[in-house]
Amino acid sequence: MSDQKIGQLLDALGVEADLGEGDLPTDAFVILKVIKADGAVTLINARSEGLDWVTRLGMVTAAQEIENSGYIDSPTDDT
């Protein structure tokens, strides 16, 4: 297996992010479900260059919390 850029793959899968004007994404951690040529199903991960393990762990932990129970931004004075 060889490393591959996955930007076009994510585009083809229809992956989108809700970003506002002026938002600046800094890191990415991607979990992919892959069906191998022999039919086996596996999970693999990919990350942006320079993403350290502490930040990666925090992102995965936060994502799990959001998926399990939902997440609502706290109200601001602007709303």
N, C-alpha and C. Protein backbone atom coordinates (compact mmCIF):
# COMPACT_ATOMS: atom_id res chain seq x y z
N MET A 1 0.85 -1.18 0.00
CA MET A 1 0.00 0.00 0.00
C MET A 1 0.89 1.23 0.00
N SER A 2 0.46 2.28 -0.70
CA SER A 2 1.24 3.50 -0.74
C SER A 2 0.40 4.69 -0.29
N ASP A 3 1.08 5.69 0.25
CA ASP A 3 0.38 6.91 0.67
C ASP A 3 -0.16 7.63 -0.56
N GLN A 4 -1.37 8.17 -0.43
CA GLN A 4 -2.00 8.89 -1.53
C GLN A 4 -2.65 10.15 -1.00
N LYS A 5 -2.64 11.20 -1.78
CA LYS A 5 -3.40 12.40 -1.45
C LYS A 5 -4.88 12.04 -1.55
N ILE A 6 -5.72 12.53 -0.63
CA ILE A 6 -7.12 12.09 -0.61
C ILE A 6 -8.12 13.23 -0.82
N GLY A 7 -7.64 14.41 -1.17
CA GLY A 7 -8.56 15.54 -1.38
C GLY A 7 -9.62 15.25 -2.42
N GLN A 8 -9.22 14.72 -3.57
CA GLN A 8 -10.19 14.41 -4.63
C GLN A 8 -11.12 13.27 -4.21
N LEU A 9 -10.59 12.32 -3.45
CA LEU A 9 -11.42 11.23 -2.96
C LEU A 9 -12.52 11.77 -2.04
N LEU A 10 -12.14 12.67 -1.14
CA LEU A 10 -13.14 13.26 -0.24
C LEU A 10 -14.17 14.07 -1.02
N ASP A 11 -13.72 14.77 -2.05
CA ASP A 11 -14.65 15.50 -2.92
C ASP A 11 -15.64 14.54 -3.59
N ALA A 12 -15.10 13.41 -4.11
CA ALA A 12 -15.95 12.43 -4.80
C ALA A 12 -16.96 11.80 -3.84
N LEU A 13 -16.60 11.68 -2.57
CA LEU A 13 -17.51 11.12 -1.57
C LEU A 13 -18.53 12.15 -1.08
N GLY A 14 -18.38 13.39 -1.51
CA GLY A 14 -19.33 14.44 -1.12
C GLY A 14 -19.08 15.02 0.25
N VAL A 15 -17.85 14.93 0.74
CA VAL A 15 -17.53 15.46 2.06
C VAL A 15 -17.54 16.98 2.01
N GLU A 16 -18.29 17.58 2.93
CA GLU A 16 -18.37 19.04 3.03
C GLU A 16 -18.21 19.45 4.49
N ALA A 17 -17.79 20.67 4.70
CA ALA A 17 -17.66 21.22 6.05
C ALA A 17 -18.42 22.55 6.10
N ASP A 18 -19.05 22.82 7.22
CA ASP A 18 -19.80 24.06 7.42
C ASP A 18 -18.83 25.13 7.91
N LEU A 19 -18.26 25.88 6.98
CA LEU A 19 -17.29 26.92 7.31
C LEU A 19 -17.89 28.29 7.01
N GLY A 20 -17.64 29.21 7.90
CA GLY A 20 -18.10 30.57 7.70
C GLY A 20 -17.04 31.40 7.00
N GLU A 21 -17.46 32.53 6.48
CA GLU A 21 -16.52 33.45 5.84
C GLU A 21 -15.47 33.87 6.87
N GLY A 22 -14.23 33.77 6.49
CA GLY A 22 -13.14 34.13 7.39
C GLY A 22 -12.65 32.99 8.27
N ASP A 23 -13.36 31.84 8.27
CA ASP A 23 -12.89 30.68 9.05
C ASP A 23 -11.60 30.16 8.43
N LEU A 24 -10.67 29.72 9.25
CA LEU A 24 -9.38 29.24 8.78
C LEU A 24 -9.12 27.83 9.32
N PRO A 25 -9.42 26.80 8.53
CA PRO A 25 -9.10 25.44 8.97
C PRO A 25 -7.60 25.30 9.14
N THR A 26 -7.18 24.65 10.23
CA THR A 26 -5.74 24.51 10.49
C THR A 26 -5.27 23.07 10.49
N ASP A 27 -6.13 22.12 10.82
CA ASP A 27 -5.75 20.73 10.90
C ASP A 27 -6.91 19.85 10.46
N ALA A 28 -6.58 18.64 10.04
CA ALA A 28 -7.62 17.68 9.66
C ALA A 28 -7.21 16.28 10.09
N PHE A 29 -8.19 15.53 10.57
CA PHE A 29 -8.02 14.13 10.89
C PHE A 29 -9.19 13.41 10.24
N VAL A 30 -8.91 12.47 9.37
CA VAL A 30 -9.95 11.81 8.56
C VAL A 30 -9.95 10.32 8.88
N ILE A 31 -11.14 9.78 9.11
CA ILE A 31 -11.30 8.34 9.29
C ILE A 31 -12.03 7.81 8.07
N LEU A 32 -11.45 6.81 7.43
CA LEU A 32 -12.01 6.25 6.20
C LEU A 32 -12.38 4.78 6.40
N LYS A 33 -13.59 4.42 5.98
CA LYS A 33 -13.97 3.02 5.90
C LYS A 33 -13.57 2.54 4.51
N VAL A 34 -12.80 1.47 4.46
CA VAL A 34 -12.25 0.98 3.20
C VAL A 34 -12.64 -0.48 3.01
N ILE A 35 -13.14 -0.80 1.82
CA ILE A 35 -13.38 -2.19 1.45
C ILE A 35 -12.20 -2.62 0.59
N LYS A 36 -11.45 -3.57 1.10
CA LYS A 36 -10.25 -4.06 0.42
C LYS A 36 -10.63 -4.89 -0.80
N ALA A 37 -9.66 -5.13 -1.67
CA ALA A 37 -9.88 -5.91 -2.89
C ALA A 37 -10.41 -7.31 -2.59
N ASP A 38 -10.04 -7.86 -1.43
CA ASP A 38 -10.50 -9.21 -1.06
C ASP A 38 -11.86 -9.20 -0.35
N GLY A 39 -12.47 -8.00 -0.22
CA GLY A 39 -13.78 -7.88 0.42
C GLY A 39 -13.73 -7.55 1.90
N ALA A 40 -12.55 -7.58 2.50
CA ALA A 40 -12.41 -7.24 3.91
C ALA A 40 -12.71 -5.75 4.11
N VAL A 41 -13.32 -5.44 5.23
CA VAL A 41 -13.63 -4.05 5.57
C VAL A 41 -12.70 -3.61 6.69
N THR A 42 -12.15 -2.42 6.54
CA THR A 42 -11.21 -1.92 7.55
C THR A 42 -11.40 -0.41 7.70
N LEU A 43 -10.85 0.13 8.77
CA LEU A 43 -10.80 1.57 8.97
C LEU A 43 -9.35 2.00 8.87
N ILE A 44 -9.12 3.13 8.21
CA ILE A 44 -7.80 3.73 8.19
C ILE A 44 -7.96 5.21 8.52
N ASN A 45 -6.87 5.84 8.89
CA ASN A 45 -6.95 7.26 9.18
C ASN A 45 -5.87 8.01 8.42
N ALA A 46 -6.14 9.28 8.24
CA ALA A 46 -5.19 10.18 7.59
C ALA A 46 -5.23 11.50 8.35
N ARG A 47 -4.15 12.23 8.29
CA ARG A 47 -4.11 13.50 9.02
C ARG A 47 -3.30 14.51 8.25
N SER A 48 -3.55 15.77 8.57
CA SER A 48 -2.79 16.83 7.93
C SER A 48 -1.36 16.83 8.46
N GLU A 49 -0.47 17.30 7.63
CA GLU A 49 0.94 17.36 8.00
C GLU A 49 1.11 18.24 9.23
N GLY A 50 1.89 17.80 10.18
CA GLY A 50 2.17 18.59 11.37
C GLY A 50 1.16 18.43 12.49
N LEU A 51 0.11 17.61 12.29
CA LEU A 51 -0.88 17.41 13.35
C LEU A 51 -0.27 16.50 14.42
N ASP A 52 -0.08 17.06 15.62
CA ASP A 52 0.54 16.29 16.69
C ASP A 52 -0.47 15.35 17.36
N TRP A 53 0.04 14.38 18.09
CA TRP A 53 -0.82 13.35 18.67
C TRP A 53 -1.76 13.90 19.73
N VAL A 54 -1.35 14.93 20.45
CA VAL A 54 -2.21 15.49 21.49
C VAL A 54 -3.43 16.16 20.85
N THR A 55 -3.20 16.94 19.82
CA THR A 55 -4.30 17.59 19.13
C THR A 55 -5.19 16.55 18.45
N ARG A 56 -4.57 15.54 17.83
CA ARG A 56 -5.33 14.48 17.17
C ARG A 56 -6.23 13.77 18.18
N LEU A 57 -5.69 13.43 19.34
CA LEU A 57 -6.50 12.77 20.38
C LEU A 57 -7.65 13.68 20.82
N GLY A 58 -7.37 14.95 20.98
CA GLY A 58 -8.43 15.89 21.37
C GLY A 58 -9.51 16.00 20.30
N MET A 59 -9.12 16.03 19.04
CA MET A 59 -10.09 16.11 17.95
C MET A 59 -10.97 14.86 17.90
N VAL A 60 -10.36 13.69 18.05
CA VAL A 60 -11.11 12.44 18.02
C VAL A 60 -12.06 12.37 19.22
N THR A 61 -11.59 12.76 20.39
CA THR A 61 -12.43 12.73 21.59
C THR A 61 -13.61 13.69 21.46
N ALA A 62 -13.35 14.89 20.95
CA ALA A 62 -14.43 15.87 20.75
C ALA A 62 -15.42 15.37 19.70
N ALA A 63 -14.91 14.78 18.61
CA ALA A 63 -15.80 14.26 17.57
C ALA A 63 -16.69 13.15 18.11
N GLN A 64 -16.12 12.28 18.95
CA GLN A 64 -16.91 11.21 19.54
C GLN A 64 -18.03 11.79 20.42
N GLU A 65 -17.70 12.79 21.19
CA GLU A 65 -18.72 13.43 22.04
C GLU A 65 -19.83 14.06 21.20
N ILE A 66 -19.45 14.72 20.13
CA ILE A 66 -20.43 15.35 19.25
C ILE A 66 -21.32 14.29 18.62
N GLU A 67 -20.74 13.21 18.12
CA GLU A 67 -21.51 12.14 17.49
C GLU A 67 -22.41 11.42 18.49
N ASN A 68 -21.95 11.25 19.71
CA ASN A 68 -22.73 10.52 20.72
C ASN A 68 -23.87 11.34 21.30
N SER A 69 -23.65 12.63 21.53
CA SER A 69 -24.68 13.39 22.25
C SER A 69 -25.05 14.71 21.59
N GLY A 70 -24.43 15.04 20.53
CA GLY A 70 -24.71 16.31 19.89
C GLY A 70 -23.93 17.42 20.56
N TYR A 71 -23.84 18.51 19.90
CA TYR A 71 -23.09 19.66 20.41
C TYR A 71 -23.78 20.91 19.96
N ILE A 72 -23.99 21.81 20.88
CA ILE A 72 -24.63 23.09 20.56
C ILE A 72 -23.72 24.19 21.05
N ASP A 73 -23.37 25.13 20.15
CA ASP A 73 -22.59 26.28 20.58
C ASP A 73 -23.35 27.00 21.67
N SER A 74 -22.64 27.52 22.66
CA SER A 74 -23.31 28.30 23.68
C SER A 74 -23.80 29.59 23.04
N PRO A 75 -24.94 30.07 23.48
CA PRO A 75 -25.51 31.28 22.89
C PRO A 75 -24.55 32.47 23.03
N THR A 76 -24.58 33.33 22.04
CA THR A 76 -23.78 34.54 22.09
C THR A 76 -24.69 35.75 22.10
N ASP A 77 -24.12 36.87 22.37
CA ASP A 77 -24.91 38.11 22.38
C ASP A 77 -25.34 38.52 20.97
N ASP A 78 -24.72 37.94 19.94
CA ASP A 78 -25.02 38.32 18.57
C ASP A 78 -26.30 37.70 18.03
N THR A 79 -26.88 36.71 18.71
CA THR A 79 -28.04 36.01 18.16
C THR A 79 -29.34 36.56 18.66
